[in-house]
Amino acid sequence: MPTVAQSSTETDWVSRFADEVIADSERRAPGKPVVVASGLSPSGPIHLGNLREVMTPHLVADEIRRRGYEVRHLISWDDYDRYRKVPNGVPGIDESWAEHIGRPLTSVPAPAGSAYPNWAEHFKAAMTDALAELGVEYDGISQTEQYTSGAYREQVLHAMRHRGDIDAILEQYRTKKAPAKKGQKPVDEAELEAAEGSGAAAEDDGTGSAGYFPYKPYCGGCNKDLTTVSAYDDETTELTYTCSACDFSETVRLSEFNRGKLVWKVDWPMRWAYEGVIFEPSGVDHSSPGSSFQVGGQIVSIFGGEQPIGPMYAFVGISGMAKMSSSKGGVPTPGDALKIMEPQLLRWLYARRRPNQSFKIAFDQEIQRLYDEWDKLEAKVADGSVLPADAAAYARAARTAAGELPRTPRPMPYRTLASVVDITAGHDEQTVRILSDLDPANPLSSLDEVRPRLDKAEAWINTQVPADQRTVVREEPDTELLATLDDQARESLRLLVDGLDDHWSLDGLTHLVYGVPKVQAGFAADATPKELPPEIKTAQRTFFALLYHLLVGRDTGPRLPTLLLAVGADRVRKLLAA
């Protein structure tokens, strides 16, 4: 099986970035671990757009590890960010949470019924579980802990001493608005939200009536950041602020004060220098002219650091999101995706596209096509016919530097598993019988052979397929329809029923259902499309529609061979008895 190292780096974006990051790390910090970073704000459900913030550096870090280098992938949990708004659709909260706007995320109560101590921990937990299932190795850093422990004290004081220099950099951009690129599609609010990375791109930059101060205290009275610094003394580090929310005012020594943080456009480059970050991507909101990443590239030098290599990552769309029964505010999370797809497939979706290419994650019928594509790729890898770039994407999806991800021992087609659990409503004994009939020469000994893929397909059927699209097999024959059939239709049903016993396998039934219209037209059942006139296809479609009506009362349904296996030969005979 090809490895990533055997793949052409010319066609693999991960390898190209790894080359660049290793070279830059050896120039900046020779002999030290390579540092890549991500930032996640647990201000609500952390969604699949945010996951690109993690997967892009993860894939690069993993490639560097494969080459034998020591790597640290930092995930900064921006849990000391302000609570900006009450998100829509989150269970266990109501408009009363609006009273917490302006407080640190770690000071906001978790939704009602949560097992976690605060808002940030509640939303971090789901992402932490998803990252573990995805095989993402990282070092988590709580910005609440960093700031409140005084870890950044010298950096905060340094920023205040150099506030004039920072202000001069920011001033270059305050009145500038980036001209829209000709022909560029506007980014709508949903796309911006889905692409948003760490921090709040639109936060104020520290400008006030008393001058520029890059530090914002959380109020000692109400713990909100609706504060304005009115004075600061560089020698004594005395800082005076007033809160507009509760009129509280105090003077503190910043050299001893830990209840506040640098404004976002200063905080981010400070961390680049503090951690020695070599690679960190950013979403579209942080990458436009005058935005956090560009401005940070100048401010970082004030802290003695360099801007990381920072590709902009594009929008991650969702196919079928509107039907999601598990939707929390409309934007699905990695945990939602992992309920219906194996981690390898989700990793592959991020690995096979360059960061600046948008793509969609399917929650609708498209997931079946994606799984077919994945299975074909796996077959090509096995027989050695795979292209180098595809081999690299597969290897990055299937395993990490630490080893192969847990996989389904016998990965039957997802669409087949979905059809079977749809028909059986998850009845284990029936499911085993049907799946064993798919390949009678090699029957299943246990459903464990097809797990977890079977469980993912069952979750998809139960949560993503509307009730009116579920398959319900008839209990009794449709006598009214049967009575209207002409001789040719009755003959087609007889040919099918007579052939069931001799063709009772997935391949056999496929041959049978496609063959009946051929035989009726005077051709051999195994005649190829090239040997047949076009009207045979029309006859096949008519025959298939008749079978669906008689078996499930609809024009369409699961693939007929799978459906016949699921219904069982005796019941098929009963329902088709003309």
Protein backbone atom coordinates (compact mmCIF):
# COMPACT_ATOMS: atom_id res chain seq x y z
CA MET A 1 0.00 0.00 0.00
CA PRO A 2 1.51 3.38 -0.99
CA THR A 3 2.62 5.67 1.81
CA VAL A 4 2.54 9.46 1.83
CA ALA A 5 6.33 9.53 1.42
CA GLN A 6 6.00 7.56 -1.84
CA SER A 7 3.58 10.11 -3.28
CA SER A 8 4.63 13.00 -5.45
CA THR A 9 5.07 16.20 -3.46
CA GLU A 10 4.31 18.14 -6.64
CA THR A 11 0.68 17.08 -6.47
CA ASP A 12 0.17 17.10 -2.68
CA TRP A 13 -0.50 20.41 -0.93
CA VAL A 14 0.30 18.96 2.51
CA SER A 15 3.80 17.90 1.50
CA ARG A 16 4.51 21.28 -0.07
CA PHE A 17 3.52 23.11 3.10
CA ALA A 18 5.51 20.64 5.21
CA ASP A 19 8.64 21.38 3.13
CA GLU A 20 8.11 25.11 3.64
CA VAL A 21 7.37 24.84 7.37
CA ILE A 22 10.40 22.63 8.09
CA ALA A 23 12.70 25.01 6.21
CA ASP A 24 11.28 28.05 8.02
CA SER A 25 11.48 26.34 11.42
CA GLU A 26 15.12 25.40 10.89
CA ARG A 27 15.87 29.01 9.97
CA ARG A 28 13.97 30.55 12.91
CA ALA A 29 14.48 27.99 15.68
CA PRO A 30 17.03 25.33 14.69
CA GLY A 31 16.91 22.22 16.82
CA LYS A 32 13.58 23.09 18.44
CA PRO A 33 10.20 21.43 17.87
CA VAL A 34 8.26 22.71 14.88
CA VAL A 35 5.24 24.69 16.14
CA VAL A 36 1.96 24.86 14.25
CA ALA A 37 -1.18 26.41 15.71
CA SER A 38 -4.95 26.64 15.57
CA GLY A 39 -7.36 28.85 17.47
CA LEU A 40 -10.92 27.93 18.42
CA SER A 41 -13.43 30.12 20.22
CA PRO A 42 -15.95 28.04 22.23
CA SER A 43 -18.56 30.76 21.95
CA GLY A 44 -21.15 28.22 20.77
CA PRO A 45 -21.19 24.95 18.85
CA ILE A 46 -17.81 24.60 17.10
CA HIS A 47 -18.83 23.74 13.57
CA LEU A 48 -17.39 22.08 10.47
CA GLY A 49 -16.08 25.38 9.10
CA ASN A 50 -14.02 25.80 12.28
CA LEU A 51 -12.71 22.24 11.86
CA ARG A 52 -10.67 23.42 8.85
CA GLU A 53 -8.81 25.68 11.30
CA VAL A 54 -7.62 22.47 12.98
CA MET A 55 -7.37 19.97 10.13
CA THR A 56 -5.13 22.15 7.94
CA PRO A 57 -2.29 22.42 10.50
CA HIS A 58 -2.98 18.89 11.75
CA LEU A 59 -2.34 17.38 8.33
CA VAL A 60 0.84 19.43 7.90
CA ALA A 61 2.04 18.58 11.44
CA ASP A 62 1.32 14.91 10.86
CA GLU A 63 3.36 14.90 7.64
CA ILE A 64 6.26 16.54 9.50
CA ARG A 65 6.02 13.88 12.24
CA ARG A 66 6.11 11.15 9.60
CA ARG A 67 9.45 12.59 8.48
CA GLY A 68 10.85 12.16 11.98
CA TYR A 69 10.64 15.73 13.30
CA GLU A 70 9.24 16.73 16.68
CA VAL A 71 6.11 18.84 16.24
CA ARG A 72 3.77 20.70 18.58
CA HIS A 73 0.29 21.41 17.30
CA LEU A 74 -1.12 24.04 19.63
CA ILE A 75 -4.85 24.60 19.87
CA SER A 76 -5.55 27.84 21.66
CA TRP A 77 -8.98 27.70 23.22
CA ASP A 78 -10.02 31.34 23.08
CA ASP A 79 -12.13 30.89 26.19
CA TYR A 80 -11.15 34.30 27.60
CA ASP A 81 -12.88 36.00 24.67
CA ARG A 82 -15.97 38.04 25.45
CA TYR A 83 -19.40 36.44 25.17
CA ARG A 84 -20.71 38.37 22.19
CA LYS A 85 -24.25 37.15 21.58
CA VAL A 86 -26.80 34.52 22.53
CA PRO A 87 -26.56 31.93 19.73
CA ASN A 88 -29.72 30.63 18.11
CA GLY A 89 -30.95 27.10 18.52
CA VAL A 90 -28.80 26.01 21.48
CA PRO A 91 -30.85 23.79 23.82
CA GLY A 92 -30.94 24.79 27.48
CA ILE A 93 -30.62 28.56 27.07
CA ASP A 94 -32.99 31.48 26.65
CA GLU A 95 -32.79 35.24 26.29
CA SER A 96 -31.74 35.56 29.95
CA TRP A 97 -28.22 34.60 28.82
CA ALA A 98 -28.02 38.06 27.22
CA GLU A 99 -27.14 39.43 30.68
CA HIS A 100 -23.74 37.74 30.32
CA ILE A 101 -22.77 39.51 27.10
CA GLY A 102 -19.34 41.08 27.63
CA ARG A 103 -18.11 38.52 30.19
CA PRO A 104 -15.37 35.96 29.52
CA LEU A 105 -16.72 32.73 28.06
CA THR A 106 -15.43 30.87 31.11
CA SER A 107 -17.57 33.13 33.34
CA VAL A 108 -20.83 32.42 31.50
CA PRO A 109 -23.03 29.59 32.85
CA ALA A 110 -23.26 26.46 30.72
CA PRO A 111 -26.63 25.69 29.11
CA ALA A 112 -29.16 24.24 31.55
CA GLY A 113 -28.59 20.54 32.21
CA SER A 114 -24.94 20.61 31.13
CA ALA A 115 -22.39 18.53 33.02
CA TYR A 116 -19.76 21.25 32.54
CA PRO A 117 -18.92 24.18 34.83
CA ASN A 118 -19.23 26.99 32.27
CA TRP A 119 -20.13 27.93 28.71
CA ALA A 120 -16.63 27.46 27.28
CA GLU A 121 -16.07 24.02 28.79
CA HIS A 122 -19.47 22.87 27.57
CA PHE A 123 -18.67 23.61 23.92
CA LYS A 124 -15.01 22.60 24.15
CA ALA A 125 -16.05 19.11 25.31
CA ALA A 126 -17.88 18.15 22.12
CA MET A 127 -14.97 19.32 19.96
CA THR A 128 -12.44 17.51 22.16
CA ASP A 129 -14.37 14.25 21.68
CA ALA A 130 -14.53 14.77 17.91
CA LEU A 131 -10.80 15.52 17.64
CA ALA A 132 -10.00 12.33 19.55
CA GLU A 133 -12.11 10.28 17.13
CA LEU A 134 -10.40 12.01 14.19
CA GLY A 135 -6.94 11.12 15.51
CA VAL A 136 -5.84 14.75 15.95
CA GLU A 137 -2.87 15.05 18.34
CA TYR A 138 -2.53 18.49 19.92
CA ASP A 139 -1.56 20.52 22.97
CA GLY A 140 -4.53 22.50 24.26
CA ILE A 141 -3.97 25.95 25.75
CA SER A 142 -6.69 27.76 27.72
CA GLN A 143 -6.35 31.50 27.20
CA THR A 144 -8.29 32.03 30.45
CA GLU A 145 -5.56 30.15 32.30
CA GLN A 146 -2.79 31.98 30.44
CA TYR A 147 -4.13 35.44 31.18
CA THR A 148 -5.40 34.90 34.71
CA SER A 149 -2.17 33.17 35.78
CA GLY A 150 -0.08 36.10 34.60
CA ALA A 151 1.72 34.01 31.97
CA TYR A 152 1.53 36.92 29.50
CA ARG A 153 2.37 39.63 32.04
CA GLU A 154 5.60 40.77 30.37
CA GLN A 155 3.94 40.69 26.94
CA VAL A 156 1.04 42.84 28.21
CA LEU A 157 3.39 45.39 29.77
CA HIS A 158 5.50 45.39 26.61
CA ALA A 159 2.42 46.08 24.48
CA MET A 160 1.43 48.98 26.74
CA ARG A 161 4.94 50.47 26.57
CA HIS A 162 4.83 50.22 22.76
CA ARG A 163 1.22 51.26 22.35
CA GLY A 164 2.24 54.20 20.17
CA ASP A 165 3.98 51.89 17.71
CA ILE A 166 0.98 49.53 17.65
CA ASP A 167 -1.41 52.45 17.19
CA ALA A 168 0.64 53.72 14.23
CA ILE A 169 0.35 50.34 12.50
CA LEU A 170 -3.39 50.10 13.13
CA GLU A 171 -3.90 53.68 11.96
CA GLN A 172 -2.76 52.67 8.46
CA TYR A 173 -5.86 50.50 8.17
CA ARG A 174 -8.56 52.25 10.21
CA THR A 175 -9.95 54.36 7.37
CA LYS A 176 -9.11 51.93 4.60
CA LYS A 177 -11.69 49.62 3.18
CA ALA A 178 -10.46 46.91 0.90
CA PRO A 179 -11.84 47.39 -2.61
CA ALA A 180 -13.94 44.45 -3.77
CA LYS A 181 -12.11 42.34 -6.30
CA LYS A 182 -13.66 42.47 -9.74
CA GLY A 183 -16.09 39.63 -10.18
CA GLN A 184 -15.61 38.40 -6.62
CA LYS A 185 -18.65 36.74 -5.10
CA PRO A 186 -19.69 38.55 -1.91
CA VAL A 187 -19.25 36.58 1.29
CA ASP A 188 -22.60 36.26 3.01
CA GLU A 189 -23.09 36.18 6.76
CA ALA A 190 -23.47 32.41 6.97
CA GLU A 191 -20.30 31.85 4.97
CA LEU A 192 -18.41 34.33 7.13
CA GLU A 193 -19.60 32.57 10.29
CA ALA A 194 -18.62 29.15 8.94
CA ALA A 195 -15.15 30.40 7.96
CA GLU A 196 -14.44 32.29 11.16
CA GLY A 197 -11.39 31.11 13.04
CA SER A 198 -10.02 32.10 16.43
CA GLY A 199 -10.99 35.28 18.20
CA ALA A 200 -13.41 37.96 17.07
CA ALA A 201 -12.28 39.54 13.82
CA ALA A 202 -14.44 42.62 14.30
CA GLU A 203 -13.52 43.44 17.93
CA ASP A 204 -12.50 47.03 18.67
CA ASP A 205 -8.76 47.62 18.51
CA GLY A 206 -8.33 49.61 21.73
CA THR A 207 -8.94 53.15 20.48
CA GLY A 208 -10.62 55.46 23.01
CA SER A 209 -11.16 59.12 23.81
CA ALA A 210 -8.21 59.13 26.22
CA GLY A 211 -5.85 57.65 23.66
CA TYR A 212 -4.86 54.24 22.42
CA PHE A 213 -4.55 51.32 24.88
CA PRO A 214 -4.19 47.74 23.54
CA TYR A 215 -5.38 46.20 26.82
CA LYS A 216 -8.98 45.75 27.93
CA PRO A 217 -9.78 44.96 31.59
CA TYR A 218 -12.76 42.89 32.64
CA CYS A 219 -14.70 45.02 35.13
CA GLY A 220 -14.17 44.37 38.85
CA GLY A 221 -17.84 45.13 39.43
CA CYS A 222 -19.73 43.17 36.74
CA ASN A 223 -16.92 41.19 35.06
CA LYS A 224 -17.79 42.60 31.63
CA ASP A 225 -15.38 44.11 29.13
CA LEU A 226 -17.50 47.23 28.59
CA THR A 227 -14.61 49.18 30.03
CA THR A 228 -12.63 52.18 28.89
CA VAL A 229 -9.05 52.83 29.98
CA SER A 230 -8.67 56.50 30.88
CA ALA A 231 -5.06 56.62 32.10
CA TYR A 232 -1.89 54.54 32.24
CA ASP A 233 1.52 55.22 33.77
CA ASP A 234 4.44 53.33 32.20
CA GLU A 235 6.65 53.69 35.29
CA THR A 236 4.23 52.52 37.97
CA THR A 237 2.03 50.47 35.56
CA GLU A 238 -1.01 52.10 37.21
CA LEU A 239 -4.05 51.77 34.96
CA THR A 240 -7.40 53.48 35.51
CA TYR A 241 -10.57 52.30 33.83
CA THR A 242 -14.34 52.88 34.02
CA CYS A 243 -17.12 50.45 33.16
CA SER A 244 -20.03 51.75 31.10
CA ALA A 245 -22.26 48.86 32.16
CA CYS A 246 -22.21 49.41 35.93
CA ASP A 247 -20.24 52.69 36.39
CA PHE A 248 -17.57 50.84 38.38
CA SER A 249 -14.14 52.48 38.27
CA GLU A 250 -10.78 51.57 39.76
CA THR A 251 -7.05 52.05 39.45
CA VAL A 252 -4.88 48.92 39.40
CA ARG A 253 -1.23 48.03 38.91
CA LEU A 254 -1.03 46.21 35.62
CA SER A 255 2.16 44.51 36.83
CA GLU A 256 -0.03 42.67 39.37
CA PHE A 257 -3.42 42.63 37.60
CA ASN A 258 -4.63 39.54 35.74
CA ARG A 259 -8.28 40.29 34.93
CA GLY A 260 -8.14 41.42 31.33
CA LYS A 261 -6.56 40.71 27.96
CA LEU A 262 -4.93 42.31 24.97
CA VAL A 263 -7.32 43.33 22.19
CA TRP A 264 -7.57 40.69 19.49
CA LYS A 265 -5.41 42.33 16.80
CA VAL A 266 -2.58 42.57 19.33
CA ASP A 267 -3.29 39.37 21.23
CA TRP A 268 -2.88 37.11 18.18
CA PRO A 269 0.56 38.35 17.03
CA MET A 270 1.73 38.41 20.67
CA ARG A 271 0.97 34.69 20.85
CA TRP A 272 2.78 34.00 17.58
CA ALA A 273 5.93 35.44 19.12
CA TYR A 274 5.35 33.89 22.57
CA GLU A 275 4.83 30.37 21.19
CA GLY A 276 7.18 30.61 18.19
CA VAL A 277 4.42 29.65 15.74
CA ILE A 278 5.67 28.72 12.26
CA PHE A 279 2.36 27.78 10.61
CA GLU A 280 -1.21 28.88 11.32
CA PRO A 281 -4.02 29.18 8.76
CA SER A 282 -6.86 31.65 8.99
CA GLY A 283 -10.39 32.04 7.68
CA VAL A 284 -11.57 34.65 5.21
CA ASP A 285 -12.55 37.07 7.99
CA HIS A 286 -8.96 37.22 9.25
CA SER A 287 -7.23 37.29 5.86
CA SER A 288 -8.64 40.24 3.94
CA PRO A 289 -6.63 43.48 3.65
CA GLY A 290 -6.50 45.28 7.00
CA SER A 291 -7.70 42.24 8.90
CA SER A 292 -6.17 40.45 11.87
CA PHE A 293 -3.66 38.30 9.99
CA GLN A 294 -2.33 41.13 7.81
CA VAL A 295 -2.10 43.68 10.61
CA GLY A 296 -0.66 41.03 12.93
CA GLY A 297 2.12 40.45 10.44
CA GLN A 298 3.41 43.95 11.26
CA ILE A 299 2.58 44.00 14.98
CA VAL A 300 4.36 40.68 15.65
CA SER A 301 7.74 42.34 15.11
CA ILE A 302 7.07 44.57 18.13
CA PHE A 303 7.12 41.36 20.20
CA GLY A 304 10.29 40.12 18.52
CA GLY A 305 8.59 37.50 16.38
CA GLU A 306 7.71 36.74 12.77
CA GLN A 307 4.39 36.17 11.08
CA PRO A 308 3.67 32.46 10.55
CA ILE A 309 3.14 30.87 7.17
CA GLY A 310 -0.60 31.39 7.02
CA PRO A 311 -2.73 30.15 4.17
CA MET A 312 -6.29 31.38 4.01
CA TYR A 313 -8.78 28.55 4.14
CA ALA A 314 -12.01 28.65 2.17
CA PHE A 315 -15.61 28.02 3.08
CA VAL A 316 -16.81 24.55 4.04
CA GLY A 317 -20.37 24.13 2.84
CA ILE A 318 -23.05 21.69 3.92
CA SER A 319 -25.23 19.60 1.63
CA GLY A 320 -28.58 18.75 3.20
CA MET A 321 -28.15 20.90 6.32
CA ALA A 322 -31.75 22.11 6.27
CA LYS A 323 -33.03 18.60 6.95
CA MET A 324 -30.81 18.00 9.95
CA SER A 325 -32.81 16.95 12.97
CA SER A 326 -29.72 17.41 15.15
CA SER A 327 -28.99 20.93 13.92
CA LYS A 328 -27.99 23.38 16.64
CA GLY A 329 -28.66 26.81 15.24
CA GLY A 330 -28.32 25.54 11.68
CA VAL A 331 -24.58 24.85 11.44
CA PRO A 332 -23.60 21.20 12.03
CA THR A 333 -20.56 20.28 14.13
CA PRO A 334 -17.81 17.68 13.65
CA GLY A 335 -19.68 15.54 16.19
CA ASP A 336 -22.79 15.69 14.00
CA ALA A 337 -20.75 14.58 10.98
CA LEU A 338 -19.07 11.75 12.90
CA LYS A 339 -22.46 10.32 13.84
CA ILE A 340 -23.09 9.53 10.16
CA MET A 341 -19.60 9.03 8.70
CA GLU A 342 -16.41 7.29 9.73
CA PRO A 343 -13.50 9.53 10.72
CA GLN A 344 -11.49 8.42 7.68
CA LEU A 345 -14.10 9.85 5.31
CA LEU A 346 -14.29 13.16 7.17
CA ARG A 347 -10.47 13.44 7.26
CA TRP A 348 -10.36 12.70 3.53
CA LEU A 349 -12.74 15.54 2.69
CA TYR A 350 -10.30 18.00 4.30
CA ALA A 351 -7.12 16.29 3.02
CA ARG A 352 -8.03 16.07 -0.66
CA ARG A 353 -8.71 19.78 -1.18
CA ARG A 354 -6.17 22.58 -0.88
CA PRO A 355 -7.03 25.01 1.94
CA ASN A 356 -8.13 27.72 -0.51
CA GLN A 357 -10.61 25.36 -2.21
CA SER A 358 -14.13 25.26 -0.85
CA PHE A 359 -16.00 21.97 -0.58
CA LYS A 360 -19.20 20.55 0.84
CA ILE A 361 -19.85 17.95 3.52
CA ALA A 362 -22.90 15.84 2.74
CA PHE A 363 -25.71 15.15 5.17
CA ASP A 364 -28.14 14.24 2.38
CA GLN A 365 -28.15 11.47 -0.26
CA GLU A 366 -24.81 12.78 -1.53
CA ILE A 367 -23.10 10.99 1.37
CA GLN A 368 -23.75 7.71 -0.46
CA ARG A 369 -21.87 8.94 -3.53
CA LEU A 370 -18.99 10.16 -1.38
CA TYR A 371 -18.73 6.75 0.26
CA ASP A 372 -18.77 5.05 -3.17
CA GLU A 373 -15.94 7.36 -4.23
CA TRP A 374 -13.98 6.54 -1.06
CA ASP A 375 -14.44 2.79 -1.56
CA LYS A 376 -13.28 3.04 -5.19
CA LEU A 377 -10.22 4.96 -4.02
CA GLU A 378 -9.47 2.25 -1.45
CA ALA A 379 -9.71 -0.40 -4.19
CA LYS A 380 -7.31 1.54 -6.40
CA VAL A 381 -4.87 1.85 -3.50
CA ALA A 382 -5.09 -1.91 -2.97
CA ASP A 383 -4.42 -2.80 -6.62
CA GLY A 384 -1.74 -0.15 -7.17
CA SER A 385 -3.61 1.83 -9.84
CA VAL A 386 -4.05 4.95 -7.71
CA LEU A 387 -2.64 8.33 -8.77
CA PRO A 388 0.04 9.83 -6.47
CA ALA A 389 -2.05 12.77 -5.18
CA ASP A 390 -5.00 10.48 -4.49
CA ALA A 391 -2.72 8.00 -2.71
CA ALA A 392 -1.43 10.80 -0.49
CA ALA A 393 -4.94 11.99 0.40
CA TYR A 394 -5.98 8.42 1.18
CA ALA A 395 -2.96 7.78 3.39
CA ARG A 396 -3.55 10.99 5.34
CA ALA A 397 -7.20 10.04 5.84
CA ALA A 398 -6.67 6.42 6.83
CA ARG A 399 -3.82 6.84 9.29
CA THR A 400 -1.70 9.34 11.20
CA ALA A 401 1.97 9.19 12.18
CA ALA A 402 0.81 7.34 15.30
CA GLY A 403 -0.82 4.54 13.30
CA GLU A 404 -3.95 3.52 11.40
CA LEU A 405 -7.30 4.78 12.60
CA PRO A 406 -9.78 2.11 13.75
CA ARG A 407 -11.71 0.89 10.74
CA THR A 408 -14.63 -1.28 9.72
CA PRO A 409 -13.26 -4.83 9.22
CA ARG A 410 -15.60 -5.56 6.31
CA PRO A 411 -16.65 -2.25 4.73
CA MET A 412 -19.77 -3.07 2.74
CA PRO A 413 -21.15 -0.23 0.55
CA TYR A 414 -22.66 2.54 2.69
CA ARG A 415 -25.70 2.84 0.42
CA THR A 416 -26.37 -0.90 0.87
CA LEU A 417 -26.08 -0.71 4.65
CA ALA A 418 -28.33 2.36 4.70
CA SER A 419 -30.95 0.58 2.58
CA VAL A 420 -30.88 -2.48 4.81
CA VAL A 421 -31.28 -0.59 8.10
CA ASP A 422 -33.98 1.53 6.47
CA ILE A 423 -35.96 -1.58 5.60
CA THR A 424 -35.29 -3.55 8.80
CA ALA A 425 -35.62 -0.55 11.16
CA GLY A 426 -32.42 -1.71 12.84
CA HIS A 427 -33.58 -5.28 13.64
CA ASP A 428 -30.27 -7.10 14.18
CA GLU A 429 -31.33 -10.63 13.19
CA GLN A 430 -32.93 -9.46 9.96
CA THR A 431 -29.91 -7.26 9.23
CA VAL A 432 -27.51 -10.21 9.65
CA ARG A 433 -29.69 -12.37 7.39
CA ILE A 434 -29.87 -9.79 4.62
CA LEU A 435 -26.18 -8.84 4.74
CA SER A 436 -25.23 -12.53 4.69
CA ASP A 437 -27.41 -13.05 1.61
CA LEU A 438 -25.47 -10.33 -0.20
CA ASP A 439 -22.57 -12.78 -0.52
CA PRO A 440 -23.78 -16.29 0.37
CA ALA A 441 -20.31 -17.77 -0.22
CA ASN A 442 -18.89 -15.54 2.51
CA PRO A 443 -21.69 -14.83 5.02
CA LEU A 444 -21.36 -12.53 8.02
CA SER A 445 -20.62 -14.15 11.35
CA SER A 446 -21.50 -11.00 13.30
CA LEU A 447 -22.61 -7.39 12.75
CA ASP A 448 -19.33 -6.36 14.37
CA GLU A 449 -17.70 -7.11 11.01
CA VAL A 450 -19.56 -4.19 9.44
CA ARG A 451 -19.28 -1.78 12.35
CA PRO A 452 -18.86 1.12 12.84
CA ARG A 453 -19.94 1.80 9.22
CA LEU A 454 -23.28 0.07 9.83
CA ASP A 455 -23.94 2.27 12.89
CA LYS A 456 -23.09 5.42 10.92
CA ALA A 457 -25.47 4.41 8.11
CA GLU A 458 -28.22 3.67 10.64
CA ALA A 459 -27.70 7.07 12.29
CA TRP A 460 -27.94 8.72 8.86
CA ILE A 461 -31.22 6.97 8.08
CA ASN A 462 -32.68 7.80 11.49
CA THR A 463 -31.61 11.47 11.67
CA GLN A 464 -31.19 12.76 8.11
CA VAL A 465 -33.78 11.00 5.95
CA PRO A 466 -37.27 12.54 6.22
CA ALA A 467 -40.04 10.19 7.31
CA ASP A 468 -41.79 10.44 3.94
CA GLN A 469 -38.64 9.14 2.24
CA ARG A 470 -38.23 6.11 4.51
CA THR A 471 -38.89 2.69 3.02
CA VAL A 472 -41.98 0.85 4.30
CA VAL A 473 -42.57 -2.55 2.71
CA ARG A 474 -46.20 -3.42 2.01
CA GLU A 475 -47.87 -5.86 4.37
CA GLU A 476 -50.38 -7.06 1.75
CA PRO A 477 -50.35 -7.19 -2.07
CA ASP A 478 -51.65 -4.19 -3.99
CA THR A 479 -54.55 -6.14 -5.49
CA GLU A 480 -55.96 -3.09 -7.23
CA LEU A 481 -52.75 -2.47 -9.17
CA LEU A 482 -52.19 -6.16 -9.84
CA ALA A 483 -55.67 -6.45 -11.36
CA THR A 484 -54.89 -3.76 -13.95
CA LEU A 485 -51.68 -5.35 -15.30
CA ASP A 486 -51.49 -6.48 -18.90
CA ASP A 487 -50.06 -9.83 -19.97
CA GLN A 488 -46.54 -8.48 -20.54
CA ALA A 489 -46.35 -6.97 -17.03
CA ARG A 490 -47.68 -10.21 -15.49
CA GLU A 491 -45.09 -12.18 -17.45
CA SER A 492 -42.29 -9.93 -16.17
CA LEU A 493 -43.33 -10.57 -12.57
CA ARG A 494 -43.51 -14.34 -13.20
CA LEU A 495 -40.00 -14.37 -14.70
CA LEU A 496 -38.67 -12.52 -11.67
CA VAL A 497 -40.41 -14.75 -9.11
CA ASP A 498 -39.34 -17.96 -10.92
CA GLY A 499 -35.72 -16.83 -10.88
CA LEU A 500 -35.47 -15.83 -7.19
CA ASP A 501 -34.13 -19.10 -5.80
CA ASP A 502 -31.43 -19.49 -8.46
CA HIS A 503 -30.30 -15.86 -8.15
CA TRP A 504 -30.53 -15.24 -4.38
CA SER A 505 -27.45 -13.05 -3.88
CA LEU A 506 -26.72 -9.40 -4.55
CA ASP A 507 -24.98 -10.10 -7.87
CA GLY A 508 -27.53 -12.75 -8.84
CA LEU A 509 -30.54 -10.53 -8.21
CA THR A 510 -28.87 -7.65 -10.03
CA HIS A 511 -28.48 -9.93 -13.04
CA LEU A 512 -32.09 -11.09 -12.70
CA VAL A 513 -33.87 -7.71 -12.40
CA TYR A 514 -31.93 -6.21 -15.30
CA GLY A 515 -32.31 -9.39 -17.33
CA VAL A 516 -36.11 -9.82 -17.23
CA PRO A 517 -36.86 -6.98 -19.73
CA LYS A 518 -34.07 -8.26 -22.00
CA VAL A 519 -35.49 -11.79 -22.06
CA GLN A 520 -38.99 -10.47 -22.72
CA ALA A 521 -37.65 -8.58 -25.72
CA GLY A 522 -35.99 -11.72 -27.10
CA PHE A 523 -32.43 -11.06 -25.98
CA ALA A 524 -30.14 -13.05 -23.70
CA ALA A 525 -30.28 -12.04 -20.01
CA ASP A 526 -26.55 -11.31 -20.05
CA ALA A 527 -26.61 -9.21 -23.24
CA THR A 528 -24.51 -6.05 -22.88
CA PRO A 529 -25.89 -2.53 -23.47
CA LYS A 530 -23.99 -2.35 -26.78
CA GLU A 531 -25.95 -5.36 -27.99
CA LEU A 532 -29.33 -3.90 -27.06
CA PRO A 533 -31.62 -1.30 -28.65
CA PRO A 534 -32.31 1.91 -26.65
CA GLU A 535 -35.89 0.89 -25.85
CA ILE A 536 -34.60 -1.84 -23.49
CA LYS A 537 -33.57 0.87 -21.03
CA THR A 538 -37.10 2.27 -21.16
CA ALA A 539 -38.52 -1.19 -20.53
CA GLN A 540 -36.17 -1.68 -17.57
CA ARG A 541 -37.25 1.63 -16.02
CA THR A 542 -40.93 0.69 -16.43
CA PHE A 543 -40.30 -2.74 -14.86
CA PHE A 544 -38.39 -1.22 -11.93
CA ALA A 545 -41.16 1.33 -11.25
CA LEU A 546 -43.73 -1.49 -11.21
CA LEU A 547 -41.66 -3.48 -8.68
CA TYR A 548 -41.27 -0.43 -6.41
CA HIS A 549 -45.02 0.24 -6.46
CA LEU A 550 -45.84 -3.37 -5.64
CA LEU A 551 -43.19 -3.68 -2.90
CA VAL A 552 -43.10 -0.24 -1.21
CA GLY A 553 -45.88 1.83 -2.81
CA ARG A 554 -43.55 4.42 -4.35
CA ASP A 555 -41.90 5.16 -7.70
CA THR A 556 -38.41 4.66 -6.30
CA GLY A 557 -36.60 3.23 -3.29
CA PRO A 558 -33.42 1.39 -2.32
CA ARG A 559 -31.59 -0.49 -5.07
CA LEU A 560 -33.91 -3.31 -6.13
CA PRO A 561 -31.47 -6.20 -5.50
CA THR A 562 -30.93 -4.97 -1.94
CA LEU A 563 -34.64 -4.38 -1.47
CA LEU A 564 -35.51 -7.91 -2.66
CA LEU A 565 -32.95 -9.43 -0.29
CA ALA A 566 -34.33 -7.37 2.56
CA VAL A 567 -37.96 -8.27 1.89
CA GLY A 568 -37.15 -11.99 1.61
CA ALA A 569 -38.11 -14.44 -1.13
CA ASP A 570 -41.39 -15.63 0.42
CA ARG A 571 -42.70 -12.13 1.01
CA VAL A 572 -41.61 -11.03 -2.50
CA ARG A 573 -43.62 -13.92 -3.96
CA LYS A 574 -46.66 -12.91 -1.89
CA LEU A 575 -46.50 -9.24 -2.92
CA LEU A 576 -45.88 -9.96 -6.63
CA ALA A 577 -48.44 -12.73 -7.04
CA ALA A 578 -50.36 -11.53 -10.10
